[in-house]
Amino acid sequence: MSKYLCPIVWILLCLSALFISFRRQVSRSTAAIRQWAVDNDYTLVLLKRRLFALGPFFMVLSYHNVYIVVIEDKEGQRRSGWLRTGGYVSNRVDVRWDGDIQESLN
């Protein structure tokens, strides 16, 4: 019985570690986006993480997260676009606004 239990325990530990790592990466990305919004006086109206639809970001590494975003500025105008965060590497937020306006912030 114990020879079957040991591999199962290791598999469960590895899956748990992967899940915790994924949740930490998403949490860090979300915090970076919220700080980016505060720094630019934006209110986040919509923020959706995209796993397969990467929008204008054709170069996405495993530690990047891509989001669809709708923001509202101080004047009440809304803009939509795509965000890419650095995940583990940095708190960088790359923005591609709908309408070909580009912005890259650290």
N, C-alpha and C. Protein backbone atom coordinates (compact mmCIF):
# COMPACT_ATOMS: atom_id res chain seq x y z
N MET A 1 0.81 -1.21 0.00
CA MET A 1 0.00 0.00 0.00
C MET A 1 0.85 1.27 0.00
N SER A 2 1.94 1.29 0.78
CA SER A 2 2.74 2.50 0.90
C SER A 2 3.53 2.80 -0.37
N LYS A 3 3.86 1.77 -1.17
CA LYS A 3 4.58 2.05 -2.41
C LYS A 3 3.72 2.82 -3.41
N TYR A 4 2.40 2.75 -3.30
CA TYR A 4 1.50 3.52 -4.15
C TYR A 4 1.18 4.88 -3.55
N LEU A 5 1.26 4.97 -2.25
CA LEU A 5 0.92 6.22 -1.56
C LEU A 5 1.98 7.29 -1.78
N CYS A 6 3.24 6.92 -1.77
CA CYS A 6 4.32 7.89 -1.92
C CYS A 6 4.25 8.66 -3.24
N PRO A 7 4.10 8.02 -4.41
CA PRO A 7 3.97 8.79 -5.66
C PRO A 7 2.73 9.68 -5.69
N ILE A 8 1.66 9.21 -5.11
CA ILE A 8 0.44 10.03 -5.07
C ILE A 8 0.66 11.28 -4.24
N VAL A 9 1.34 11.14 -3.11
CA VAL A 9 1.64 12.30 -2.26
C VAL A 9 2.52 13.28 -3.01
N TRP A 10 3.55 12.80 -3.71
CA TRP A 10 4.43 13.69 -4.48
C TRP A 10 3.68 14.40 -5.59
N ILE A 11 2.81 13.69 -6.28
CA ILE A 11 2.01 14.32 -7.33
C ILE A 11 1.12 15.40 -6.75
N LEU A 12 0.48 15.12 -5.63
CA LEU A 12 -0.38 16.12 -4.99
C LEU A 12 0.42 17.33 -4.53
N LEU A 13 1.61 17.10 -3.99
CA LEU A 13 2.47 18.22 -3.57
C LEU A 13 2.89 19.07 -4.76
N CYS A 14 3.26 18.43 -5.86
CA CYS A 14 3.65 19.19 -7.06
C CYS A 14 2.49 19.98 -7.63
N LEU A 15 1.31 19.37 -7.70
CA LEU A 15 0.14 20.09 -8.20
C LEU A 15 -0.23 21.25 -7.30
N SER A 16 -0.10 21.06 -6.00
CA SER A 16 -0.38 22.15 -5.05
C SER A 16 0.61 23.30 -5.23
N ALA A 17 1.88 22.96 -5.42
CA ALA A 17 2.89 24.00 -5.62
C ALA A 17 2.63 24.77 -6.92
N LEU A 18 2.25 24.08 -7.97
CA LEU A 18 1.92 24.75 -9.24
C LEU A 18 0.72 25.67 -9.08
N PHE A 19 -0.30 25.21 -8.39
CA PHE A 19 -1.49 26.02 -8.17
C PHE A 19 -1.17 27.28 -7.36
N ILE A 20 -0.40 27.12 -6.30
CA ILE A 20 -0.02 28.27 -5.46
C ILE A 20 0.82 29.25 -6.27
N SER A 21 1.73 28.75 -7.08
CA SER A 21 2.56 29.61 -7.91
C SER A 21 1.72 30.40 -8.92
N PHE A 22 0.76 29.74 -9.54
CA PHE A 22 -0.13 30.40 -10.50
C PHE A 22 -0.95 31.49 -9.82
N ARG A 23 -1.53 31.18 -8.67
CA ARG A 23 -2.35 32.16 -7.94
C ARG A 23 -1.50 33.36 -7.52
N ARG A 24 -0.28 33.12 -7.11
CA ARG A 24 0.61 34.21 -6.69
C ARG A 24 0.94 35.12 -7.88
N GLN A 25 1.19 34.52 -9.03
CA GLN A 25 1.51 35.28 -10.23
C GLN A 25 0.32 36.15 -10.65
N VAL A 26 -0.87 35.60 -10.64
CA VAL A 26 -2.07 36.36 -11.01
C VAL A 26 -2.32 37.47 -10.00
N SER A 27 -2.14 37.18 -8.73
CA SER A 27 -2.33 38.19 -7.68
C SER A 27 -1.35 39.35 -7.85
N ARG A 28 -0.10 39.03 -8.14
CA ARG A 28 0.91 40.07 -8.33
C ARG A 28 0.59 40.93 -9.57
N SER A 29 0.14 40.29 -10.64
CA SER A 29 -0.23 41.02 -11.85
C SER A 29 -1.41 41.95 -11.59
N THR A 30 -2.41 41.46 -10.88
CA THR A 30 -3.58 42.27 -10.57
C THR A 30 -3.19 43.47 -9.71
N ALA A 31 -2.31 43.26 -8.75
CA ALA A 31 -1.85 44.37 -7.90
C ALA A 31 -1.09 45.41 -8.73
N ALA A 32 -0.27 44.96 -9.69
CA ALA A 32 0.47 45.89 -10.55
C ALA A 32 -0.49 46.70 -11.41
N ILE A 33 -1.55 46.07 -11.91
CA ILE A 33 -2.54 46.78 -12.73
C ILE A 33 -3.29 47.80 -11.89
N ARG A 34 -3.68 47.42 -10.70
CA ARG A 34 -4.40 48.36 -9.82
C ARG A 34 -3.52 49.57 -9.49
N GLN A 35 -2.23 49.33 -9.25
CA GLN A 35 -1.31 50.44 -8.97
C GLN A 35 -1.12 51.31 -10.21
N TRP A 36 -1.04 50.70 -11.39
CA TRP A 36 -0.93 51.44 -12.64
C TRP A 36 -2.15 52.35 -12.81
N ALA A 37 -3.34 51.83 -12.50
CA ALA A 37 -4.57 52.62 -12.62
C ALA A 37 -4.55 53.80 -11.65
N VAL A 38 -4.12 53.57 -10.44
CA VAL A 38 -4.05 54.66 -9.44
C VAL A 38 -3.04 55.71 -9.89
N ASP A 39 -1.87 55.27 -10.34
CA ASP A 39 -0.82 56.20 -10.78
C ASP A 39 -1.25 57.08 -11.94
N ASN A 40 -2.17 56.58 -12.78
CA ASN A 40 -2.62 57.32 -13.95
C ASN A 40 -4.01 57.92 -13.79
N ASP A 41 -4.52 57.93 -12.57
CA ASP A 41 -5.85 58.48 -12.25
C ASP A 41 -6.95 57.82 -13.07
N TYR A 42 -6.87 56.50 -13.23
CA TYR A 42 -7.90 55.74 -13.93
C TYR A 42 -8.73 54.96 -12.91
N THR A 43 -9.98 54.73 -13.27
CA THR A 43 -10.83 53.81 -12.52
C THR A 43 -11.03 52.58 -13.39
N LEU A 44 -10.75 51.41 -12.82
CA LEU A 44 -10.93 50.18 -13.56
C LEU A 44 -12.41 49.84 -13.63
N VAL A 45 -12.95 49.76 -14.83
CA VAL A 45 -14.34 49.40 -15.04
C VAL A 45 -14.45 47.91 -15.31
N LEU A 46 -13.53 47.38 -16.10
CA LEU A 46 -13.52 45.96 -16.45
C LEU A 46 -12.08 45.48 -16.53
N LEU A 47 -11.84 44.32 -15.96
CA LEU A 47 -10.53 43.69 -16.04
C LEU A 47 -10.74 42.19 -16.15
N LYS A 48 -10.38 41.62 -17.32
CA LYS A 48 -10.56 40.19 -17.56
C LYS A 48 -9.25 39.59 -18.03
N ARG A 49 -8.83 38.54 -17.37
CA ARG A 49 -7.60 37.84 -17.77
C ARG A 49 -7.90 36.97 -18.98
N ARG A 50 -7.00 37.00 -19.94
CA ARG A 50 -7.15 36.21 -21.16
C ARG A 50 -6.06 35.14 -21.19
N LEU A 51 -6.45 33.90 -21.39
CA LEU A 51 -5.48 32.82 -21.47
C LEU A 51 -5.03 32.54 -22.90
N PHE A 52 -5.97 32.58 -23.83
CA PHE A 52 -5.64 32.20 -25.21
C PHE A 52 -5.76 33.36 -26.19
N ALA A 53 -6.70 34.25 -26.00
CA ALA A 53 -6.83 35.43 -26.86
C ALA A 53 -5.86 36.47 -26.35
N LEU A 54 -4.75 36.66 -27.04
CA LEU A 54 -3.67 37.52 -26.56
C LEU A 54 -3.70 38.90 -27.18
N GLY A 55 -4.69 39.19 -28.01
CA GLY A 55 -4.82 40.52 -28.59
C GLY A 55 -3.58 40.92 -29.37
N PRO A 56 -3.08 42.13 -29.15
CA PRO A 56 -1.94 42.62 -29.92
C PRO A 56 -0.60 42.09 -29.43
N PHE A 57 -0.58 41.29 -28.37
CA PHE A 57 0.67 40.79 -27.82
C PHE A 57 0.99 39.41 -28.40
N PHE A 58 1.78 39.40 -29.45
CA PHE A 58 2.14 38.12 -30.07
C PHE A 58 3.31 37.47 -29.34
N MET A 59 4.07 38.24 -28.57
CA MET A 59 5.21 37.73 -27.82
C MET A 59 4.82 37.65 -26.35
N VAL A 60 4.30 36.52 -25.93
CA VAL A 60 3.89 36.35 -24.54
C VAL A 60 4.62 35.13 -23.98
N LEU A 61 5.37 35.35 -22.91
CA LEU A 61 6.09 34.27 -22.27
C LEU A 61 5.24 33.69 -21.14
N SER A 62 5.70 32.60 -20.57
CA SER A 62 4.90 31.91 -19.56
C SER A 62 4.66 32.75 -18.32
N TYR A 63 5.53 33.72 -18.03
CA TYR A 63 5.34 34.55 -16.84
C TYR A 63 4.57 35.83 -17.13
N HIS A 64 4.12 36.04 -18.35
CA HIS A 64 3.28 37.18 -18.69
C HIS A 64 1.81 36.84 -18.49
N ASN A 65 1.04 37.84 -18.13
CA ASN A 65 -0.41 37.72 -18.06
C ASN A 65 -1.01 38.79 -18.97
N VAL A 66 -2.05 38.43 -19.71
CA VAL A 66 -2.70 39.36 -20.63
C VAL A 66 -4.14 39.57 -20.16
N TYR A 67 -4.57 40.84 -20.19
CA TYR A 67 -5.89 41.22 -19.72
C TYR A 67 -6.57 42.12 -20.74
N ILE A 68 -7.89 42.05 -20.79
CA ILE A 68 -8.70 43.06 -21.47
C ILE A 68 -9.10 44.05 -20.39
N VAL A 69 -9.02 45.34 -20.70
CA VAL A 69 -9.31 46.35 -19.69
C VAL A 69 -10.21 47.44 -20.27
N VAL A 70 -11.08 47.95 -19.43
CA VAL A 70 -11.84 49.17 -19.72
C VAL A 70 -11.61 50.08 -18.52
N ILE A 71 -11.15 51.29 -18.81
CA ILE A 71 -10.88 52.26 -17.73
C ILE A 71 -11.75 53.50 -17.94
N GLU A 72 -11.86 54.26 -16.88
CA GLU A 72 -12.53 55.56 -16.95
C GLU A 72 -11.58 56.58 -16.36
N ASP A 73 -11.36 57.68 -17.09
CA ASP A 73 -10.44 58.71 -16.59
C ASP A 73 -11.19 59.73 -15.73
N LYS A 74 -10.46 60.76 -15.28
CA LYS A 74 -11.06 61.77 -14.40
C LYS A 74 -12.20 62.52 -15.05
N GLU A 75 -12.16 62.67 -16.38
CA GLU A 75 -13.20 63.40 -17.11
C GLU A 75 -14.41 62.52 -17.40
N GLY A 76 -14.36 61.24 -17.03
CA GLY A 76 -15.49 60.34 -17.25
C GLY A 76 -15.46 59.64 -18.60
N GLN A 77 -14.38 59.80 -19.36
CA GLN A 77 -14.28 59.14 -20.66
C GLN A 77 -13.73 57.73 -20.47
N ARG A 78 -14.31 56.81 -21.21
CA ARG A 78 -13.88 55.41 -21.13
C ARG A 78 -12.99 55.05 -22.30
N ARG A 79 -12.00 54.21 -22.00
CA ARG A 79 -11.10 53.67 -23.02
C ARG A 79 -10.98 52.17 -22.78
N SER A 80 -10.79 51.46 -23.87
CA SER A 80 -10.59 50.02 -23.73
C SER A 80 -9.28 49.64 -24.42
N GLY A 81 -8.74 48.53 -23.97
CA GLY A 81 -7.50 48.07 -24.55
C GLY A 81 -7.05 46.76 -23.93
N TRP A 82 -5.78 46.47 -24.13
CA TRP A 82 -5.17 45.24 -23.66
C TRP A 82 -3.99 45.58 -22.77
N LEU A 83 -3.80 44.80 -21.72
CA LEU A 83 -2.67 44.97 -20.81
C LEU A 83 -1.87 43.68 -20.78
N ARG A 84 -0.55 43.83 -20.68
CA ARG A 84 0.33 42.68 -20.45
C ARG A 84 1.19 43.01 -19.24
N THR A 85 1.21 42.11 -18.28
CA THR A 85 2.02 42.33 -17.08
C THR A 85 3.21 41.39 -17.09
N GLY A 86 4.23 41.78 -16.33
CA GLY A 86 5.48 41.03 -16.29
C GLY A 86 5.48 39.80 -15.42
N GLY A 87 4.46 39.59 -14.61
CA GLY A 87 4.42 38.38 -13.78
C GLY A 87 5.54 38.36 -12.77
N TYR A 88 6.38 37.30 -12.80
CA TYR A 88 7.46 37.14 -11.83
C TYR A 88 8.59 38.13 -12.02
N VAL A 89 8.84 38.53 -13.24
CA VAL A 89 10.02 39.32 -13.54
C VAL A 89 9.94 40.75 -13.04
N SER A 90 8.82 41.42 -13.26
CA SER A 90 8.71 42.83 -12.86
C SER A 90 7.25 43.20 -12.68
N ASN A 91 7.04 44.43 -12.26
CA ASN A 91 5.69 44.98 -12.13
C ASN A 91 5.32 45.81 -13.35
N ARG A 92 6.01 45.62 -14.44
CA ARG A 92 5.77 46.40 -15.66
C ARG A 92 4.39 46.09 -16.22
N VAL A 93 3.73 47.15 -16.69
CA VAL A 93 2.43 47.02 -17.34
C VAL A 93 2.55 47.62 -18.74
N ASP A 94 2.38 46.79 -19.76
CA ASP A 94 2.38 47.25 -21.15
C ASP A 94 0.93 47.42 -21.58
N VAL A 95 0.64 48.56 -22.21
CA VAL A 95 -0.72 48.88 -22.62
C VAL A 95 -0.80 49.03 -24.12
N ARG A 96 -1.83 48.46 -24.71
CA ARG A 96 -2.16 48.68 -26.12
C ARG A 96 -3.62 49.08 -26.15
N TRP A 97 -3.84 50.37 -26.34
CA TRP A 97 -5.21 50.88 -26.38
C TRP A 97 -5.86 50.52 -27.71
N ASP A 98 -7.13 50.27 -27.69
CA ASP A 98 -7.87 50.09 -28.93
C ASP A 98 -7.81 51.41 -29.68
N GLY A 99 -7.50 51.37 -30.94
CA GLY A 99 -7.33 52.60 -31.72
C GLY A 99 -5.86 52.91 -31.95
N ASP A 100 -4.97 51.93 -31.74
CA ASP A 100 -3.55 52.04 -32.04
C ASP A 100 -2.78 53.04 -31.19
N ILE A 101 -3.29 53.46 -30.08
CA ILE A 101 -2.51 54.30 -29.17
C ILE A 101 -1.72 53.34 -28.27
N GLN A 102 -0.40 53.53 -28.17
CA GLN A 102 0.43 52.63 -27.40
C GLN A 102 1.09 53.36 -26.24
N GLU A 103 1.22 52.64 -25.16
CA GLU A 103 1.83 53.21 -23.96
C GLU A 103 2.54 52.08 -23.23
N SER A 104 3.71 52.34 -22.72
CA SER A 104 4.44 51.34 -21.94
C SER A 104 4.94 52.02 -20.66
N LEU A 105 4.52 51.47 -19.54
CA LEU A 105 4.85 52.07 -18.25
C LEU A 105 5.60 51.08 -17.38
N ASN A 106 6.44 51.57 -16.52
CA ASN A 106 7.14 50.73 -15.54
C ASN A 106 6.48 50.86 -14.20
